[in-house]
N, C-alpha and C. Protein backbone atom coordinates (compact mmCIF):
# COMPACT_ATOMS: atom_id res chain seq x y z
N MET A 1 -7.34 -12.98 18.65
CA MET A 1 -7.62 -13.19 17.23
C MET A 1 -6.58 -12.45 16.39
N GLN A 2 -6.17 -13.06 15.30
CA GLN A 2 -5.16 -12.45 14.44
C GLN A 2 -5.71 -11.24 13.68
N LYS A 3 -4.85 -10.25 13.51
CA LYS A 3 -5.24 -9.03 12.81
C LYS A 3 -4.42 -8.93 11.52
N THR A 4 -5.12 -8.67 10.42
CA THR A 4 -4.49 -8.54 9.11
C THR A 4 -4.46 -7.08 8.69
N GLY A 5 -3.26 -6.58 8.43
CA GLY A 5 -3.11 -5.22 7.94
C GLY A 5 -3.21 -5.19 6.43
N LEU A 6 -3.94 -4.23 5.90
CA LEU A 6 -4.10 -4.09 4.45
C LEU A 6 -3.34 -2.85 4.00
N PHE A 7 -2.32 -3.08 3.20
CA PHE A 7 -1.46 -2.02 2.68
C PHE A 7 -1.86 -1.83 1.22
N PHE A 8 -2.72 -0.85 0.95
CA PHE A 8 -3.23 -0.60 -0.39
C PHE A 8 -2.21 0.23 -1.18
N GLY A 9 -2.14 -0.02 -2.48
CA GLY A 9 -1.28 0.82 -3.29
C GLY A 9 -1.23 0.37 -4.73
N SER A 10 -0.70 1.26 -5.57
CA SER A 10 -0.48 0.91 -6.96
C SER A 10 0.74 0.00 -7.09
N PHE A 11 1.71 0.20 -6.19
CA PHE A 11 2.96 -0.58 -6.23
C PHE A 11 3.52 -0.59 -7.66
N ASN A 12 3.79 0.62 -8.13
CA ASN A 12 4.13 0.85 -9.53
C ASN A 12 5.53 1.47 -9.69
N PRO A 13 6.61 0.75 -9.25
CA PRO A 13 6.68 -0.61 -8.71
C PRO A 13 6.78 -0.61 -7.18
N ILE A 14 6.65 -1.81 -6.60
CA ILE A 14 6.92 -1.98 -5.17
C ILE A 14 8.42 -1.77 -4.96
N HIS A 15 8.79 -1.08 -3.88
CA HIS A 15 10.20 -0.78 -3.62
C HIS A 15 10.55 -1.11 -2.16
N ILE A 16 11.81 -0.93 -1.80
CA ILE A 16 12.23 -1.33 -0.46
C ILE A 16 11.56 -0.50 0.63
N GLY A 17 11.12 0.71 0.32
CA GLY A 17 10.39 1.51 1.30
C GLY A 17 9.11 0.81 1.76
N HIS A 18 8.37 0.24 0.81
CA HIS A 18 7.16 -0.52 1.16
C HIS A 18 7.51 -1.69 2.07
N LEU A 19 8.58 -2.38 1.72
CA LEU A 19 9.00 -3.56 2.48
C LEU A 19 9.47 -3.18 3.89
N ILE A 20 10.21 -2.09 4.01
CA ILE A 20 10.69 -1.65 5.32
C ILE A 20 9.51 -1.31 6.23
N ILE A 21 8.52 -0.61 5.71
CA ILE A 21 7.35 -0.24 6.52
C ILE A 21 6.56 -1.48 6.91
N ALA A 22 6.32 -2.39 5.97
CA ALA A 22 5.58 -3.61 6.28
C ALA A 22 6.31 -4.44 7.33
N ASN A 23 7.60 -4.58 7.18
CA ASN A 23 8.39 -5.35 8.14
C ASN A 23 8.34 -4.71 9.53
N HIS A 24 8.43 -3.38 9.57
CA HIS A 24 8.37 -2.67 10.85
C HIS A 24 7.02 -2.94 11.54
N LEU A 25 5.95 -2.89 10.78
CA LEU A 25 4.62 -3.15 11.34
C LEU A 25 4.49 -4.58 11.86
N ILE A 26 5.04 -5.54 11.12
CA ILE A 26 4.99 -6.94 11.57
C ILE A 26 5.77 -7.09 12.88
N GLU A 27 6.92 -6.44 12.98
CA GLU A 27 7.78 -6.59 14.15
C GLU A 27 7.33 -5.76 15.36
N TYR A 28 6.69 -4.61 15.13
CA TYR A 28 6.42 -3.68 16.22
C TYR A 28 4.96 -3.30 16.41
N SER A 29 4.05 -4.09 15.88
CA SER A 29 2.62 -3.83 16.13
C SER A 29 1.94 -5.18 16.40
N ASP A 30 0.65 -5.13 16.61
CA ASP A 30 -0.10 -6.37 16.86
C ASP A 30 -0.63 -7.00 15.56
N LEU A 31 -0.17 -6.51 14.40
CA LEU A 31 -0.57 -7.13 13.13
C LEU A 31 0.17 -8.46 12.97
N SER A 32 -0.55 -9.51 12.62
CA SER A 32 0.08 -10.81 12.46
C SER A 32 0.45 -11.09 11.01
N GLU A 33 -0.15 -10.36 10.08
CA GLU A 33 0.19 -10.50 8.66
C GLU A 33 -0.20 -9.21 7.95
N ILE A 34 0.43 -9.00 6.79
CA ILE A 34 0.10 -7.83 5.97
C ILE A 34 -0.14 -8.29 4.55
N TRP A 35 -1.25 -7.81 4.00
CA TRP A 35 -1.57 -8.06 2.59
C TRP A 35 -1.28 -6.78 1.82
N PHE A 36 -0.46 -6.89 0.78
CA PHE A 36 -0.26 -5.78 -0.15
C PHE A 36 -1.40 -5.86 -1.16
N VAL A 37 -2.35 -4.96 -1.07
CA VAL A 37 -3.51 -4.97 -1.97
C VAL A 37 -3.17 -4.11 -3.18
N VAL A 38 -2.92 -4.78 -4.30
CA VAL A 38 -2.55 -4.08 -5.53
C VAL A 38 -3.80 -3.48 -6.15
N SER A 39 -3.82 -2.15 -6.24
CA SER A 39 -4.99 -1.45 -6.75
C SER A 39 -4.89 -1.27 -8.26
N PRO A 40 -5.91 -1.72 -9.00
CA PRO A 40 -5.87 -1.53 -10.44
C PRO A 40 -6.01 -0.07 -10.84
N HIS A 41 -6.76 0.71 -10.06
CA HIS A 41 -6.92 2.12 -10.42
C HIS A 41 -7.28 2.91 -9.17
N ASN A 42 -6.35 3.73 -8.71
CA ASN A 42 -6.60 4.63 -7.60
C ASN A 42 -7.35 5.83 -8.15
N PRO A 43 -8.52 6.18 -7.56
CA PRO A 43 -9.29 7.31 -8.08
C PRO A 43 -8.52 8.63 -8.07
N PHE A 44 -7.46 8.73 -7.27
CA PHE A 44 -6.68 9.97 -7.19
C PHE A 44 -5.48 9.97 -8.12
N LYS A 45 -5.30 8.90 -8.91
CA LYS A 45 -4.14 8.83 -9.81
C LYS A 45 -4.60 8.64 -11.25
N GLU A 46 -3.78 9.11 -12.17
CA GLU A 46 -4.06 8.93 -13.58
C GLU A 46 -3.76 7.48 -13.97
N LYS A 47 -4.71 6.84 -14.63
CA LYS A 47 -4.54 5.43 -15.00
C LYS A 47 -3.43 5.23 -16.02
N ASN A 48 -3.17 6.22 -16.88
CA ASN A 48 -2.19 6.02 -17.95
C ASN A 48 -0.75 5.91 -17.45
N THR A 49 -0.49 6.21 -16.17
CA THR A 49 0.87 6.07 -15.63
C THR A 49 1.10 4.68 -15.05
N LEU A 50 0.05 3.86 -15.00
CA LEU A 50 0.16 2.54 -14.36
C LEU A 50 0.68 1.47 -15.32
N LEU A 51 1.59 0.66 -14.81
CA LEU A 51 2.01 -0.54 -15.52
C LEU A 51 0.85 -1.53 -15.46
N ASP A 52 0.83 -2.51 -16.31
CA ASP A 52 -0.21 -3.55 -16.33
C ASP A 52 -0.43 -4.13 -14.92
N ASP A 53 -1.70 -4.34 -14.57
CA ASP A 53 -2.06 -4.85 -13.24
C ASP A 53 -1.30 -6.12 -12.87
N ASN A 54 -1.26 -7.08 -13.78
CA ASN A 54 -0.63 -8.36 -13.47
C ASN A 54 0.89 -8.25 -13.33
N GLN A 55 1.50 -7.32 -14.04
CA GLN A 55 2.95 -7.11 -13.88
C GLN A 55 3.24 -6.53 -12.50
N ARG A 56 2.42 -5.58 -12.05
CA ARG A 56 2.62 -5.01 -10.72
C ARG A 56 2.36 -6.05 -9.64
N LEU A 57 1.33 -6.88 -9.83
CA LEU A 57 1.03 -7.96 -8.89
C LEU A 57 2.19 -8.95 -8.83
N GLN A 58 2.76 -9.29 -9.98
CA GLN A 58 3.87 -10.23 -10.02
C GLN A 58 5.08 -9.69 -9.24
N MET A 59 5.35 -8.40 -9.35
CA MET A 59 6.47 -7.82 -8.60
C MET A 59 6.21 -7.91 -7.09
N VAL A 60 4.96 -7.66 -6.68
CA VAL A 60 4.62 -7.78 -5.25
C VAL A 60 4.77 -9.23 -4.80
N ARG A 61 4.32 -10.16 -5.62
CA ARG A 61 4.48 -11.59 -5.28
C ARG A 61 5.95 -11.97 -5.11
N LEU A 62 6.80 -11.46 -6.00
CA LEU A 62 8.23 -11.75 -5.91
C LEU A 62 8.80 -11.27 -4.58
N VAL A 63 8.37 -10.10 -4.12
CA VAL A 63 8.84 -9.56 -2.85
C VAL A 63 8.33 -10.42 -1.68
N CYS A 64 7.07 -10.81 -1.73
CA CYS A 64 6.45 -11.53 -0.60
C CYS A 64 6.92 -12.98 -0.46
N GLU A 65 7.48 -13.55 -1.51
CA GLU A 65 7.89 -14.96 -1.46
C GLU A 65 8.82 -15.28 -0.29
N LYS A 66 9.69 -14.34 0.07
CA LYS A 66 10.67 -14.58 1.13
C LYS A 66 10.15 -14.24 2.52
N TYR A 67 8.96 -13.70 2.60
CA TYR A 67 8.41 -13.23 3.88
C TYR A 67 7.05 -13.87 4.14
N PRO A 68 7.00 -14.89 4.98
CA PRO A 68 5.75 -15.64 5.17
C PRO A 68 4.59 -14.82 5.74
N LYS A 69 4.88 -13.69 6.37
CA LYS A 69 3.80 -12.88 6.96
C LYS A 69 3.31 -11.79 6.00
N LEU A 70 3.89 -11.75 4.80
CA LEU A 70 3.47 -10.79 3.78
C LEU A 70 2.81 -11.54 2.63
N LYS A 71 1.76 -10.96 2.09
CA LYS A 71 1.01 -11.63 1.01
C LYS A 71 0.61 -10.60 -0.05
N ALA A 72 0.69 -11.02 -1.30
CA ALA A 72 0.21 -10.19 -2.41
C ALA A 72 -1.27 -10.48 -2.61
N SER A 73 -2.06 -9.44 -2.78
CA SER A 73 -3.50 -9.62 -2.98
C SER A 73 -3.96 -8.92 -4.25
N ASN A 74 -4.72 -9.64 -5.06
CA ASN A 74 -5.32 -9.06 -6.27
C ASN A 74 -6.83 -8.90 -6.09
N ILE A 75 -7.28 -8.81 -4.86
CA ILE A 75 -8.71 -8.79 -4.55
C ILE A 75 -9.44 -7.68 -5.29
N GLU A 76 -8.77 -6.55 -5.53
CA GLU A 76 -9.45 -5.43 -6.21
C GLU A 76 -9.57 -5.62 -7.71
N PHE A 77 -8.86 -6.59 -8.27
CA PHE A 77 -8.92 -6.81 -9.72
C PHE A 77 -10.33 -7.20 -10.17
N SER A 78 -11.06 -7.89 -9.29
CA SER A 78 -12.39 -8.38 -9.67
C SER A 78 -13.51 -7.46 -9.18
N LEU A 79 -13.17 -6.38 -8.50
CA LEU A 79 -14.18 -5.45 -7.99
C LEU A 79 -14.39 -4.31 -9.00
N PRO A 80 -15.52 -3.60 -8.92
CA PRO A 80 -15.78 -2.50 -9.85
C PRO A 80 -14.68 -1.43 -9.79
N LYS A 81 -14.42 -0.81 -10.95
CA LYS A 81 -13.42 0.26 -11.04
C LYS A 81 -14.13 1.60 -11.11
N PRO A 82 -13.56 2.66 -10.59
CA PRO A 82 -12.32 2.66 -9.83
C PRO A 82 -12.50 2.02 -8.46
N SER A 83 -11.40 1.64 -7.84
CA SER A 83 -11.43 0.97 -6.55
C SER A 83 -11.56 1.98 -5.42
N TYR A 84 -12.51 1.73 -4.55
CA TYR A 84 -12.66 2.55 -3.35
C TYR A 84 -12.40 1.66 -2.14
N THR A 85 -11.60 2.17 -1.22
CA THR A 85 -11.17 1.38 -0.07
C THR A 85 -12.35 0.82 0.71
N ILE A 86 -13.38 1.62 0.93
CA ILE A 86 -14.53 1.16 1.72
C ILE A 86 -15.21 -0.03 1.05
N ASP A 87 -15.30 -0.03 -0.29
CA ASP A 87 -15.93 -1.16 -0.99
C ASP A 87 -15.09 -2.43 -0.84
N THR A 88 -13.77 -2.28 -0.94
CA THR A 88 -12.89 -3.43 -0.78
C THR A 88 -12.95 -3.96 0.64
N MET A 89 -12.95 -3.08 1.62
CA MET A 89 -13.02 -3.50 3.02
C MET A 89 -14.33 -4.25 3.30
N THR A 90 -15.43 -3.73 2.78
CA THR A 90 -16.73 -4.38 2.97
C THR A 90 -16.72 -5.77 2.34
N TYR A 91 -16.19 -5.87 1.13
CA TYR A 91 -16.10 -7.16 0.44
C TYR A 91 -15.25 -8.15 1.23
N LEU A 92 -14.07 -7.71 1.70
CA LEU A 92 -13.18 -8.59 2.45
C LEU A 92 -13.81 -9.03 3.76
N HIS A 93 -14.51 -8.13 4.43
CA HIS A 93 -15.18 -8.46 5.69
C HIS A 93 -16.24 -9.55 5.47
N GLU A 94 -16.95 -9.46 4.34
CA GLU A 94 -17.96 -10.49 4.02
C GLU A 94 -17.31 -11.80 3.62
N LYS A 95 -16.21 -11.74 2.88
CA LYS A 95 -15.54 -12.94 2.39
C LYS A 95 -14.78 -13.67 3.51
N TYR A 96 -14.21 -12.91 4.45
CA TYR A 96 -13.43 -13.48 5.55
C TYR A 96 -14.00 -12.99 6.88
N PRO A 97 -15.19 -13.48 7.28
CA PRO A 97 -15.84 -12.93 8.47
C PRO A 97 -15.07 -13.18 9.78
N THR A 98 -14.17 -14.13 9.80
CA THR A 98 -13.43 -14.40 11.04
C THR A 98 -12.16 -13.57 11.16
N LYS A 99 -11.79 -12.85 10.13
CA LYS A 99 -10.58 -12.03 10.18
C LYS A 99 -10.88 -10.62 10.68
N ILE A 100 -9.91 -10.06 11.39
CA ILE A 100 -9.97 -8.65 11.77
C ILE A 100 -9.04 -7.91 10.82
N PHE A 101 -9.58 -6.94 10.09
CA PHE A 101 -8.80 -6.18 9.13
C PHE A 101 -8.50 -4.78 9.67
N ALA A 102 -7.32 -4.29 9.33
CA ALA A 102 -6.91 -2.94 9.68
C ALA A 102 -6.32 -2.29 8.44
N LEU A 103 -6.42 -0.97 8.37
CA LEU A 103 -5.84 -0.21 7.25
C LEU A 103 -4.44 0.25 7.62
N ILE A 104 -3.56 0.26 6.63
CA ILE A 104 -2.22 0.83 6.79
C ILE A 104 -2.12 1.98 5.81
N MET A 105 -1.70 3.14 6.31
CA MET A 105 -1.57 4.28 5.40
C MET A 105 -0.50 5.24 5.88
N GLY A 106 0.02 6.01 4.94
CA GLY A 106 0.96 7.06 5.28
C GLY A 106 0.25 8.23 5.91
N GLU A 107 0.99 8.97 6.72
CA GLU A 107 0.42 10.13 7.42
C GLU A 107 -0.16 11.14 6.44
N ASP A 108 0.42 11.25 5.24
CA ASP A 108 -0.12 12.17 4.23
C ASP A 108 -1.53 11.77 3.82
N ASN A 109 -1.78 10.46 3.69
CA ASN A 109 -3.13 9.99 3.34
C ASN A 109 -4.12 10.22 4.48
N LEU A 110 -3.64 10.11 5.71
CA LEU A 110 -4.52 10.36 6.85
C LEU A 110 -5.09 11.77 6.79
N HIS A 111 -4.27 12.73 6.38
CA HIS A 111 -4.72 14.12 6.33
C HIS A 111 -5.71 14.37 5.20
N SER A 112 -5.77 13.48 4.21
CA SER A 112 -6.77 13.66 3.14
C SER A 112 -7.89 12.62 3.24
N LEU A 113 -7.91 11.87 4.32
CA LEU A 113 -8.90 10.80 4.49
C LEU A 113 -10.34 11.32 4.43
N HIS A 114 -10.56 12.53 4.88
CA HIS A 114 -11.92 13.09 4.87
C HIS A 114 -12.47 13.24 3.45
N LYS A 115 -11.61 13.13 2.42
CA LYS A 115 -12.05 13.22 1.02
C LYS A 115 -12.44 11.85 0.44
N TRP A 116 -12.13 10.77 1.17
CA TRP A 116 -12.38 9.42 0.66
C TRP A 116 -13.87 9.09 0.72
N LYS A 117 -14.29 8.22 -0.18
CA LYS A 117 -15.67 7.74 -0.21
C LYS A 117 -16.00 7.05 1.12
N ASN A 118 -17.08 7.45 1.75
CA ASN A 118 -17.57 6.87 3.00
C ASN A 118 -16.48 6.73 4.06
N HIS A 119 -15.65 7.77 4.18
CA HIS A 119 -14.55 7.71 5.15
C HIS A 119 -15.04 7.51 6.58
N GLU A 120 -16.27 7.97 6.87
CA GLU A 120 -16.83 7.81 8.22
C GLU A 120 -16.95 6.33 8.58
N LYS A 121 -17.40 5.52 7.60
CA LYS A 121 -17.53 4.08 7.86
C LYS A 121 -16.17 3.42 8.07
N LEU A 122 -15.18 3.89 7.30
CA LEU A 122 -13.83 3.34 7.47
C LEU A 122 -13.32 3.55 8.89
N VAL A 123 -13.43 4.80 9.37
CA VAL A 123 -12.87 5.10 10.68
C VAL A 123 -13.70 4.51 11.81
N GLU A 124 -14.98 4.27 11.58
CA GLU A 124 -15.81 3.66 12.61
C GLU A 124 -15.53 2.16 12.74
N ASN A 125 -15.22 1.51 11.62
CA ASN A 125 -15.17 0.05 11.61
C ASN A 125 -13.79 -0.59 11.57
N TYR A 126 -12.75 0.20 11.27
CA TYR A 126 -11.43 -0.40 11.10
C TYR A 126 -10.35 0.42 11.79
N PRO A 127 -9.44 -0.25 12.52
CA PRO A 127 -8.28 0.48 13.04
C PRO A 127 -7.41 0.93 11.87
N ILE A 128 -6.75 2.06 12.05
CA ILE A 128 -5.89 2.60 11.00
C ILE A 128 -4.48 2.76 11.55
N TYR A 129 -3.54 2.06 10.95
CA TYR A 129 -2.14 2.14 11.34
C TYR A 129 -1.47 3.15 10.42
N VAL A 130 -0.89 4.19 11.01
CA VAL A 130 -0.35 5.31 10.24
C VAL A 130 1.16 5.38 10.43
N TYR A 131 1.87 5.35 9.30
CA TYR A 131 3.33 5.51 9.36
C TYR A 131 3.69 6.94 8.95
N PRO A 132 4.79 7.47 9.50
CA PRO A 132 5.13 8.87 9.24
C PRO A 132 5.59 9.11 7.80
N ARG A 133 5.26 10.28 7.30
CA ARG A 133 5.72 10.74 5.99
C ARG A 133 6.07 12.21 6.12
N ILE A 134 7.00 12.67 5.30
CA ILE A 134 7.31 14.09 5.26
C ILE A 134 6.43 14.70 4.17
N PHE A 135 5.60 15.65 4.56
CA PHE A 135 4.70 16.30 3.62
C PHE A 135 4.22 17.60 4.25
N GLU A 136 3.56 18.43 3.45
CA GLU A 136 3.02 19.68 3.97
C GLU A 136 1.71 19.39 4.68
N LYS A 137 1.73 19.53 5.99
CA LYS A 137 0.56 19.17 6.80
C LYS A 137 -0.45 20.31 6.84
N SER A 138 -1.72 19.92 6.85
CA SER A 138 -2.76 20.91 7.11
C SER A 138 -2.91 21.00 8.63
N ASN A 139 -3.65 21.96 9.11
CA ASN A 139 -3.74 22.19 10.55
C ASN A 139 -4.56 21.14 11.29
N GLU A 140 -5.51 20.53 10.62
CA GLU A 140 -6.36 19.60 11.34
C GLU A 140 -6.66 18.36 10.50
N ILE A 141 -7.04 17.32 11.21
CA ILE A 141 -7.46 16.08 10.56
C ILE A 141 -8.94 15.92 10.88
N LYS A 142 -9.78 15.89 9.85
CA LYS A 142 -11.23 15.84 10.05
C LYS A 142 -11.75 14.42 9.91
N ILE A 143 -11.49 13.59 10.91
CA ILE A 143 -11.97 12.21 10.79
C ILE A 143 -12.65 11.71 12.05
N GLY A 144 -13.14 12.61 12.87
CA GLY A 144 -13.93 12.19 14.03
C GLY A 144 -13.12 11.39 15.03
N ASN A 145 -13.75 10.38 15.61
CA ASN A 145 -13.09 9.60 16.67
C ASN A 145 -12.55 8.27 16.12
N ALA A 146 -11.69 8.38 15.14
CA ALA A 146 -11.13 7.18 14.50
C ALA A 146 -10.18 6.45 15.43
N LYS A 147 -10.03 5.15 15.18
CA LYS A 147 -9.04 4.35 15.90
C LYS A 147 -7.71 4.48 15.15
N ILE A 148 -6.97 5.51 15.48
CA ILE A 148 -5.71 5.79 14.78
C ILE A 148 -4.56 5.28 15.63
N ILE A 149 -3.74 4.42 15.06
CA ILE A 149 -2.55 3.91 15.75
C ILE A 149 -1.35 4.46 15.01
N LYS A 150 -0.66 5.43 15.62
CA LYS A 150 0.53 6.00 14.97
C LYS A 150 1.71 5.07 15.21
N ILE A 151 2.40 4.72 14.16
CA ILE A 151 3.53 3.80 14.21
C ILE A 151 4.81 4.62 14.10
N ASP A 152 5.73 4.37 15.02
CA ASP A 152 7.00 5.08 15.02
C ASP A 152 7.99 4.33 14.13
N SER A 153 7.67 4.28 12.84
CA SER A 153 8.53 3.56 11.90
C SER A 153 9.53 4.54 11.28
N PRO A 154 10.56 4.00 10.63
CA PRO A 154 11.48 4.90 9.93
C PRO A 154 10.74 5.71 8.86
N ILE A 155 11.16 6.93 8.64
CA ILE A 155 10.57 7.75 7.57
C ILE A 155 11.31 7.41 6.28
N ILE A 156 10.57 6.87 5.34
CA ILE A 156 11.16 6.43 4.07
C ILE A 156 10.76 7.41 2.98
N GLU A 157 11.74 8.06 2.42
CA GLU A 157 11.45 9.02 1.35
C GLU A 157 11.82 8.44 -0.01
N ILE A 158 11.35 7.24 -0.25
CA ILE A 158 11.49 6.61 -1.56
C ILE A 158 10.08 6.49 -2.11
N SER A 159 9.91 6.79 -3.37
CA SER A 159 8.58 6.64 -3.96
C SER A 159 8.70 5.88 -5.27
N SER A 160 7.60 5.29 -5.68
CA SER A 160 7.56 4.62 -6.98
C SER A 160 7.81 5.63 -8.09
N THR A 161 7.35 6.86 -7.91
CA THR A 161 7.58 7.92 -8.90
C THR A 161 9.08 8.15 -9.08
N LEU A 162 9.82 8.21 -7.96
CA LEU A 162 11.27 8.37 -8.02
C LEU A 162 11.92 7.21 -8.76
N VAL A 163 11.50 5.98 -8.47
CA VAL A 163 12.07 4.80 -9.14
C VAL A 163 11.84 4.91 -10.65
N ARG A 164 10.61 5.22 -11.06
CA ARG A 164 10.30 5.32 -12.50
C ARG A 164 11.12 6.43 -13.16
N LYS A 165 11.28 7.56 -12.47
CA LYS A 165 12.07 8.68 -12.99
C LYS A 165 13.53 8.25 -13.19
N MET A 166 14.08 7.55 -12.20
CA MET A 166 15.47 7.11 -12.31
C MET A 166 15.67 6.13 -13.47
N ILE A 167 14.68 5.25 -13.67
CA ILE A 167 14.77 4.30 -14.78
C ILE A 167 14.79 5.06 -16.11
N LYS A 168 13.85 6.00 -16.26
CA LYS A 168 13.78 6.78 -17.51
C LYS A 168 15.05 7.57 -17.76
N GLU A 169 15.66 8.07 -16.69
CA GLU A 169 16.88 8.88 -16.83
C GLU A 169 18.15 8.02 -16.85
N LYS A 170 17.94 6.69 -16.88
CA LYS A 170 19.07 5.74 -16.93
C LYS A 170 20.03 5.91 -15.75
N LYS A 171 19.46 6.17 -14.56
CA LYS A 171 20.23 6.26 -13.32
C LYS A 171 20.24 4.89 -12.66
N ASN A 172 21.13 4.69 -11.69
CA ASN A 172 21.20 3.42 -10.97
C ASN A 172 20.06 3.36 -9.95
N PHE A 173 19.03 2.58 -10.24
CA PHE A 173 17.87 2.44 -9.35
C PHE A 173 17.92 1.14 -8.55
N LYS A 174 18.93 0.34 -8.77
CA LYS A 174 19.03 -0.98 -8.14
C LYS A 174 18.91 -0.96 -6.61
N PRO A 175 19.54 0.01 -5.90
CA PRO A 175 19.44 -0.01 -4.44
C PRO A 175 18.03 0.23 -3.88
N LEU A 176 17.10 0.70 -4.71
CA LEU A 176 15.76 1.03 -4.24
C LEU A 176 14.79 -0.15 -4.30
N LEU A 177 15.23 -1.27 -4.88
CA LEU A 177 14.35 -2.42 -5.10
C LEU A 177 14.98 -3.69 -4.54
N THR A 178 14.14 -4.70 -4.30
CA THR A 178 14.70 -6.00 -3.98
C THR A 178 15.34 -6.55 -5.25
N LYS A 179 16.22 -7.50 -5.11
CA LYS A 179 16.91 -8.10 -6.26
C LYS A 179 15.89 -8.66 -7.26
N GLU A 180 14.87 -9.34 -6.74
CA GLU A 180 13.87 -9.98 -7.61
C GLU A 180 13.11 -8.95 -8.45
N VAL A 181 12.74 -7.84 -7.83
CA VAL A 181 12.00 -6.81 -8.57
C VAL A 181 12.92 -6.09 -9.55
N PHE A 182 14.15 -5.83 -9.13
CA PHE A 182 15.11 -5.21 -10.05
C PHE A 182 15.29 -6.10 -11.28
N ASP A 183 15.52 -7.39 -11.07
CA ASP A 183 15.72 -8.32 -12.19
C ASP A 183 14.49 -8.37 -13.09
N TYR A 184 13.30 -8.35 -12.49
CA TYR A 184 12.05 -8.39 -13.26
C TYR A 184 11.93 -7.15 -14.15
N ILE A 185 12.18 -5.98 -13.58
CA ILE A 185 12.07 -4.73 -14.34
C ILE A 185 13.17 -4.64 -15.39
N ASP A 186 14.39 -4.92 -14.98
CA ASP A 186 15.54 -4.81 -15.88
C ASP A 186 15.45 -5.81 -17.03
N GLY A 187 15.01 -7.02 -16.72
CA GLY A 187 14.91 -8.06 -17.74
C GLY A 187 13.81 -7.82 -18.74
N SER A 188 12.80 -7.04 -18.36
CA SER A 188 11.67 -6.78 -19.27
C SER A 188 11.68 -5.36 -19.83
N ASN A 189 12.74 -4.59 -19.48
CA ASN A 189 12.83 -3.20 -19.93
C ASN A 189 11.59 -2.39 -19.60
N LEU A 190 11.05 -2.59 -18.40
CA LEU A 190 9.85 -1.87 -17.98
C LEU A 190 10.20 -0.43 -17.62
N TYR A 191 9.22 0.45 -17.75
CA TYR A 191 9.32 1.87 -17.41
C TYR A 191 10.36 2.63 -18.23
N GLN A 192 10.79 2.09 -19.37
CA GLN A 192 11.80 2.78 -20.19
C GLN A 192 11.21 4.00 -20.86
């Protein structure tokens, strides 16, 4: 049965680091497709730093157009805010009962997973694909007997925060984005 990886994020904006990780997972794991789930409001982030939901979704769609195994998802737009991963996973499981869903997250998020709403249900019911990140690690991960699949993907130290900072400082941010996303941001003067 096909397995769908869910890559949650603000994607504010989506950058080549997201694409490199998704492509690596498609090529080197048992995931048959990846959905970029654009989150309208991450409970751990300030909402006032977010670009409009539909603009962020449009940038993700532009990236996914060239990659048939990648899909932009706005599933959280219609769910209660703030968005909690367990609620979205439960909804998707009910809506697509024949699909097997897995979570994709950075190693930094794995170390804070014990703070997430109903994290026990997440780790009991869904495999978690973890890509490496450079961050200050705590000594232990408190998530019980989770199905953790560590992915030996390239370590990408590009962040949406860095992209936004470079735009504001009028630096050359073009190499960090796909051409389509760069043109979309540049043509609309976003993040100025």
